[in-house]
Amino acid sequence: MTSHPNTPAGWYADPQGTPNQLRWWDGAQWTAHTHQGQPGQAPPTQAAPPNPNPAKVQHQVQQQAHVGPAMGGGGTLFTEPVLVVNQKAKLIELTNEYGVFDQQGRTLGSVVQVGQSTLKKVARFVSSLDQFMTHKLEIRDANGQPHLVLTRPAKFIKSKVVVTRPDGQPVGEIVQQNVIGKINFGILVNGQQVGAIKAENWRAWNFAIVDHTDSEVARITKTWEGLAKTMFTTADNYVLQIHRQLADPLLSLVIATALTVDTALKQDSRGFG
């Protein structure tokens, strides 16, 4: 495909000529995001997840997370005061997939793990060694267009998640600060700490998110997903409540925290971190 200003955003044959590879065109330029496939064939993970039962999501927000109805919201990932992040339940989990919804149960987007090699999938199936490998996730809107990329480099004990725009522009980092006691993460921009994520107990079920003045700006609450889901899968569900309007890059980093906690910490409960 020859790039053209009027070409709509979407997945197209890689202009670099890589066989069987699609590249994301954002409507103005080519991005760094690629996916295996043929021209005209949308990647299987591009579509937004189906709407869940709205009453179930509302119950999750109001009864389980104890978050009252919040006013405002523009119907997007970056304008809603409450985000519901539910991981897709799988008996055998080889990749991480999440649906993101507003407090009424409407689909806002999804989070999909990308770049998962066959070796990583095998390691995840037969052992817990995959937690020490590099992982990458894309936060996508309801149309499947990526807005943020979360990369967790290979870890040993402490985790770090690097947050960037789809074109590679850095947003910031979320860095685990301790492994003993209540787990805390620092939120860094250009090496300077602009906030923190603080676990409220040693099991790290719920987190308070604070700004550089140590004032709480948001809260992550883990919600009960049911006995069968808890026993037979590793899926986790969270409610992210943003207390007030935030400016970027803190806004993007706060939105990334609900996914960072799960990728950096909860999914690693099998090992050291």
Protein backbone atom coordinates (compact mmCIF):
# COMPACT_ATOMS: atom_id res chain seq x y z
CA MET A 1 0.00 0.00 0.00
CA THR A 2 1.18 3.53 -0.81
CA SER A 3 0.55 5.88 2.09
CA HIS A 4 -1.96 8.66 1.33
CA PRO A 5 -3.41 11.36 3.59
CA ASN A 6 -6.95 10.14 2.90
CA THR A 7 -6.24 6.51 3.75
CA PRO A 8 -8.20 5.55 6.89
CA ALA A 9 -6.45 4.10 9.92
CA GLY A 10 -6.14 0.32 9.79
CA TRP A 11 -3.93 -2.73 9.24
CA TYR A 12 -2.24 -2.90 5.83
CA ALA A 13 0.55 -4.86 4.13
CA ASP A 14 3.89 -3.86 5.64
CA PRO A 15 5.43 -1.22 3.32
CA GLN A 16 8.86 -2.62 4.24
CA GLY A 17 7.92 -5.73 2.30
CA THR A 18 8.01 -8.25 5.15
CA PRO A 19 6.05 -11.33 3.94
CA ASN A 20 2.75 -12.10 5.69
CA GLN A 21 3.02 -9.06 7.95
CA LEU A 22 0.56 -6.24 8.50
CA ARG A 23 1.50 -2.82 9.85
CA TRP A 24 -0.80 -0.27 11.56
CA TRP A 25 -1.41 2.96 9.62
CA ASP A 26 -2.81 5.58 12.07
CA GLY A 27 -4.36 7.75 9.37
CA ALA A 28 -1.29 9.97 9.07
CA GLN A 29 1.79 7.74 9.30
CA TRP A 30 3.01 4.19 9.72
CA THR A 31 3.50 3.04 13.30
CA ALA A 32 5.79 0.44 14.89
CA HIS A 33 2.91 -2.00 15.45
CA THR A 34 2.85 -5.12 13.29
CA HIS A 35 0.79 -8.29 13.18
CA GLN A 36 0.97 -11.53 11.23
CA GLY A 37 -1.66 -11.78 8.49
CA GLN A 38 -2.56 -11.17 4.86
CA PRO A 39 -3.66 -7.85 3.29
CA GLY A 40 -7.38 -7.39 3.75
CA GLN A 41 -7.40 -9.81 6.68
CA ALA A 42 -7.87 -8.09 10.03
CA PRO A 43 -5.79 -9.48 12.90
CA PRO A 44 -7.92 -11.71 15.11
CA THR A 45 -7.23 -9.47 18.13
CA GLN A 46 -8.17 -6.21 16.42
CA ALA A 47 -11.88 -6.38 17.21
CA ALA A 48 -13.05 -5.02 20.53
CA PRO A 49 -14.37 -7.55 23.02
CA PRO A 50 -18.15 -8.07 23.09
CA ASN A 51 -20.22 -6.15 25.59
CA PRO A 52 -20.67 -8.04 28.85
CA ASN A 53 -23.88 -8.13 30.81
CA PRO A 54 -24.27 -4.44 31.82
CA ALA A 55 -25.99 -5.38 35.07
CA LYS A 56 -23.05 -7.62 35.98
CA VAL A 57 -20.52 -4.83 35.39
CA GLN A 58 -22.65 -2.36 37.35
CA HIS A 59 -22.83 -4.86 40.22
CA GLN A 60 -19.05 -5.26 40.05
CA VAL A 61 -18.56 -1.50 40.32
CA GLN A 62 -21.17 -0.60 42.89
CA GLN A 63 -21.50 -3.70 45.08
CA GLN A 64 -18.04 -5.28 44.89
CA ALA A 65 -15.76 -2.25 44.48
CA HIS A 66 -18.17 0.01 46.42
CA VAL A 67 -17.80 2.79 43.86
CA GLY A 68 -20.86 5.00 43.56
CA PRO A 69 -22.12 6.36 40.22
CA ALA A 70 -19.64 8.93 38.91
CA MET A 71 -20.76 11.92 36.86
CA GLY A 72 -19.12 13.02 33.65
CA GLY A 73 -17.13 10.93 31.25
CA GLY A 74 -16.70 11.24 27.51
CA GLY A 75 -17.10 7.60 26.53
CA THR A 76 -13.41 6.88 25.89
CA LEU A 77 -10.53 5.23 27.73
CA PHE A 78 -9.09 8.62 28.67
CA THR A 79 -12.25 10.48 29.65
CA GLU A 80 -14.18 8.07 31.89
CA PRO A 81 -13.84 8.41 35.69
CA VAL A 82 -14.34 4.66 36.23
CA LEU A 83 -12.72 1.87 34.20
CA VAL A 84 -13.60 -1.79 34.67
CA VAL A 85 -10.75 -4.10 33.63
CA ASN A 86 -11.73 -7.75 33.30
CA GLN A 87 -9.30 -10.42 32.20
CA LYS A 88 -10.57 -13.04 29.78
CA ALA A 89 -10.82 -16.32 31.69
CA LYS A 90 -8.98 -19.30 30.21
CA LEU A 91 -8.39 -22.74 31.64
CA ILE A 92 -4.99 -22.70 29.92
CA GLU A 93 -3.66 -19.17 29.81
CA LEU A 94 -0.97 -18.62 27.19
CA THR A 95 -1.53 -14.91 26.53
CA ASN A 96 -3.07 -12.09 28.57
CA GLU A 97 -6.28 -10.52 27.24
CA TYR A 98 -8.52 -7.96 28.95
CA GLY A 99 -11.73 -6.12 28.21
CA VAL A 100 -12.08 -2.52 29.40
CA PHE A 101 -15.57 -1.14 30.13
CA ASP A 102 -17.17 1.96 31.63
CA GLN A 103 -19.25 1.87 34.82
CA GLN A 104 -22.39 1.12 32.79
CA GLY A 105 -20.85 -1.91 31.07
CA ARG A 106 -20.17 -0.31 27.68
CA THR A 107 -17.03 -1.45 25.90
CA LEU A 108 -14.27 1.17 25.86
CA GLY A 109 -11.40 -0.94 24.58
CA SER A 110 -9.19 -3.91 25.19
CA VAL A 111 -5.69 -4.88 26.26
CA VAL A 112 -3.94 -7.56 24.24
CA GLN A 113 -0.57 -9.19 24.75
CA VAL A 114 1.49 -8.98 21.55
CA GLY A 115 4.78 -10.44 20.36
CA GLN A 116 4.26 -13.69 22.27
CA SER A 117 6.58 -16.22 20.65
CA THR A 118 5.95 -19.94 20.53
CA LEU A 119 8.81 -20.42 23.02
CA LYS A 120 7.13 -18.09 25.53
CA LYS A 121 3.81 -19.87 25.13
CA VAL A 122 5.45 -23.22 25.74
CA ALA A 123 7.27 -21.85 28.80
CA ARG A 124 4.01 -20.47 30.14
CA PHE A 125 2.24 -23.80 29.60
CA VAL A 126 4.80 -26.06 31.25
CA SER A 127 6.34 -23.77 33.89
CA SER A 128 6.41 -20.31 35.44
CA LEU A 129 9.63 -19.29 33.65
CA ASP A 130 7.74 -16.97 31.32
CA GLN A 131 7.41 -14.47 34.16
CA PHE A 132 11.14 -13.77 33.82
CA MET A 133 10.79 -12.95 30.10
CA THR A 134 9.90 -9.69 28.37
CA HIS A 135 6.17 -9.06 27.91
CA LYS A 136 4.40 -6.44 25.79
CA LEU A 137 0.74 -5.38 25.83
CA GLU A 138 -1.22 -2.88 23.75
CA ILE A 139 -4.05 -0.77 25.15
CA ARG A 140 -6.54 -0.37 22.30
CA ASP A 141 -9.73 1.64 21.93
CA ALA A 142 -13.12 0.22 21.00
CA ASN A 143 -12.14 0.32 17.30
CA GLY A 144 -9.00 -1.72 17.88
CA GLN A 145 -6.57 1.19 17.44
CA PRO A 146 -3.61 1.10 19.87
CA HIS A 147 -3.10 4.11 22.16
CA LEU A 148 -0.53 2.90 24.71
CA VAL A 149 2.08 0.14 24.73
CA LEU A 150 3.20 -1.48 27.99
CA THR A 151 6.53 -3.32 27.95
CA ARG A 152 7.75 -5.24 30.97
CA PRO A 153 11.40 -6.16 30.40
CA ALA A 154 12.74 -9.48 31.64
CA LYS A 155 12.75 -9.47 35.45
CA PHE A 156 14.29 -11.39 38.30
CA ILE A 157 12.73 -10.03 41.48
CA LYS A 158 11.47 -6.47 40.89
CA SER A 159 9.32 -5.49 37.91
CA LYS A 160 9.46 -2.43 35.69
CA VAL A 161 6.89 -1.48 33.07
CA VAL A 162 7.79 0.99 30.32
CA VAL A 163 4.82 2.93 28.88
CA THR A 164 5.06 4.41 25.36
CA ARG A 165 2.82 5.72 22.60
CA PRO A 166 2.28 3.41 19.59
CA ASP A 167 4.92 5.38 17.65
CA GLY A 168 7.50 4.68 20.37
CA GLN A 169 7.31 8.09 22.09
CA PRO A 170 8.05 7.54 25.79
CA VAL A 171 5.36 8.30 28.37
CA GLY A 172 6.96 7.07 31.57
CA GLU A 173 7.83 4.07 33.71
CA ILE A 174 6.18 2.19 36.57
CA VAL A 175 8.86 0.65 38.78
CA GLN A 176 8.41 -1.82 41.62
CA GLN A 177 10.16 -0.44 44.70
CA ASN A 178 10.12 -3.34 47.16
CA VAL A 179 9.44 -7.08 47.50
CA ILE A 180 8.88 -7.31 51.27
CA GLY A 181 5.70 -6.09 52.94
CA LYS A 182 3.15 -3.91 51.16
CA ILE A 183 4.21 -3.68 47.50
CA ASN A 184 4.75 -0.16 46.13
CA PHE A 185 5.44 1.10 42.62
CA GLY A 186 6.95 4.43 41.65
CA ILE A 187 5.48 6.36 38.69
CA LEU A 188 8.35 8.05 36.85
CA VAL A 189 8.52 10.55 33.99
CA ASN A 190 11.97 11.37 32.59
CA GLY A 191 13.50 9.72 35.63
CA GLN A 192 11.57 11.92 38.10
CA GLN A 193 8.92 10.42 40.37
CA VAL A 194 5.51 12.02 39.77
CA GLY A 195 3.43 9.57 41.76
CA ALA A 196 3.20 6.13 43.31
CA ILE A 197 1.02 3.04 43.53
CA LYS A 198 0.66 1.78 47.10
CA ALA A 199 -0.71 -1.63 48.08
CA GLU A 200 -3.06 -1.46 51.04
CA ASN A 201 -2.11 -4.89 52.40
CA TRP A 202 0.65 -7.44 51.95
CA ARG A 203 -1.46 -9.56 49.56
CA ALA A 204 -1.75 -6.54 47.23
CA TRP A 205 -5.47 -6.82 46.51
CA ASN A 206 -6.20 -3.08 46.44
CA PHE A 207 -4.01 -0.09 45.59
CA ALA A 208 -4.10 3.66 46.18
CA ILE A 209 -2.56 5.83 43.43
CA VAL A 210 -1.06 9.12 44.63
CA ASP A 211 0.52 12.11 42.91
CA HIS A 212 3.83 13.80 43.76
CA THR A 213 2.24 15.45 46.81
CA ASP A 214 1.14 12.05 48.14
CA SER A 215 -2.52 12.97 47.56
CA GLU A 216 -4.72 10.10 46.34
CA VAL A 217 -5.84 10.65 42.74
CA ALA A 218 -7.15 7.18 41.90
CA ARG A 219 -7.80 3.75 43.37
CA ILE A 220 -7.58 0.18 42.07
CA THR A 221 -9.92 -2.38 43.65
CA LYS A 222 -9.75 -6.09 42.89
CA THR A 223 -13.22 -7.63 42.59
CA TRP A 224 -14.34 -11.17 43.28
CA GLU A 225 -14.73 -13.11 40.03
CA GLY A 226 -16.52 -16.15 41.43
CA LEU A 227 -15.42 -19.41 43.03
CA ALA A 228 -15.11 -21.46 39.83
CA LYS A 229 -13.16 -18.74 38.04
CA THR A 230 -10.84 -18.30 41.02
CA MET A 231 -10.18 -22.03 41.40
CA PHE A 232 -9.62 -22.98 37.77
CA THR A 233 -8.22 -19.87 36.07
CA THR A 234 -5.76 -17.05 36.80
CA ALA A 235 -8.12 -14.31 35.55
CA ASP A 236 -8.33 -11.14 37.63
CA ASN A 237 -10.86 -8.31 37.53
CA TYR A 238 -10.26 -4.72 38.67
CA VAL A 239 -12.08 -1.43 38.98
CA LEU A 240 -10.03 1.75 38.45
CA GLN A 241 -11.62 4.86 39.95
CA ILE A 242 -10.07 8.22 38.99
CA HIS A 243 -11.04 10.87 41.54
CA ARG A 244 -10.38 14.01 39.51
CA GLN A 245 -9.36 15.13 36.05
CA LEU A 246 -5.67 14.50 35.43
CA ALA A 247 -3.27 15.88 32.83
CA ASP A 248 -0.91 13.79 30.74
CA PRO A 249 1.45 12.08 31.18
CA LEU A 250 0.08 11.26 34.64
CA LEU A 251 -3.35 10.40 33.17
CA SER A 252 -1.92 7.82 30.76
CA LEU A 253 0.26 6.33 33.48
CA VAL A 254 -2.67 6.07 35.91
CA ILE A 255 -4.75 4.30 33.26
CA ALA A 256 -1.83 1.94 32.63
CA THR A 257 -1.58 1.08 36.33
CA ALA A 258 -4.56 -1.28 36.40
CA LEU A 259 -2.83 -3.37 33.73
CA THR A 260 0.63 -2.91 35.21
CA VAL A 261 -0.39 -4.28 38.59
CA ASP A 262 -1.72 -7.46 37.01
CA THR A 263 1.18 -7.97 34.60
CA ALA A 264 3.96 -6.95 36.98
CA LEU A 265 2.69 -8.43 40.21
CA LYS A 266 -0.46 -10.57 40.24
CA GLN A 267 0.56 -12.74 37.28
CA ASP A 268 3.89 -13.33 39.04
CA SER A 269 2.42 -14.75 42.24
CA ARG A 270 3.87 -18.09 41.19
CA GLY A 271 7.39 -16.80 41.66
CA PHE A 272 9.50 -14.25 43.50
CA GLY A 273 7.71 -11.03 42.79
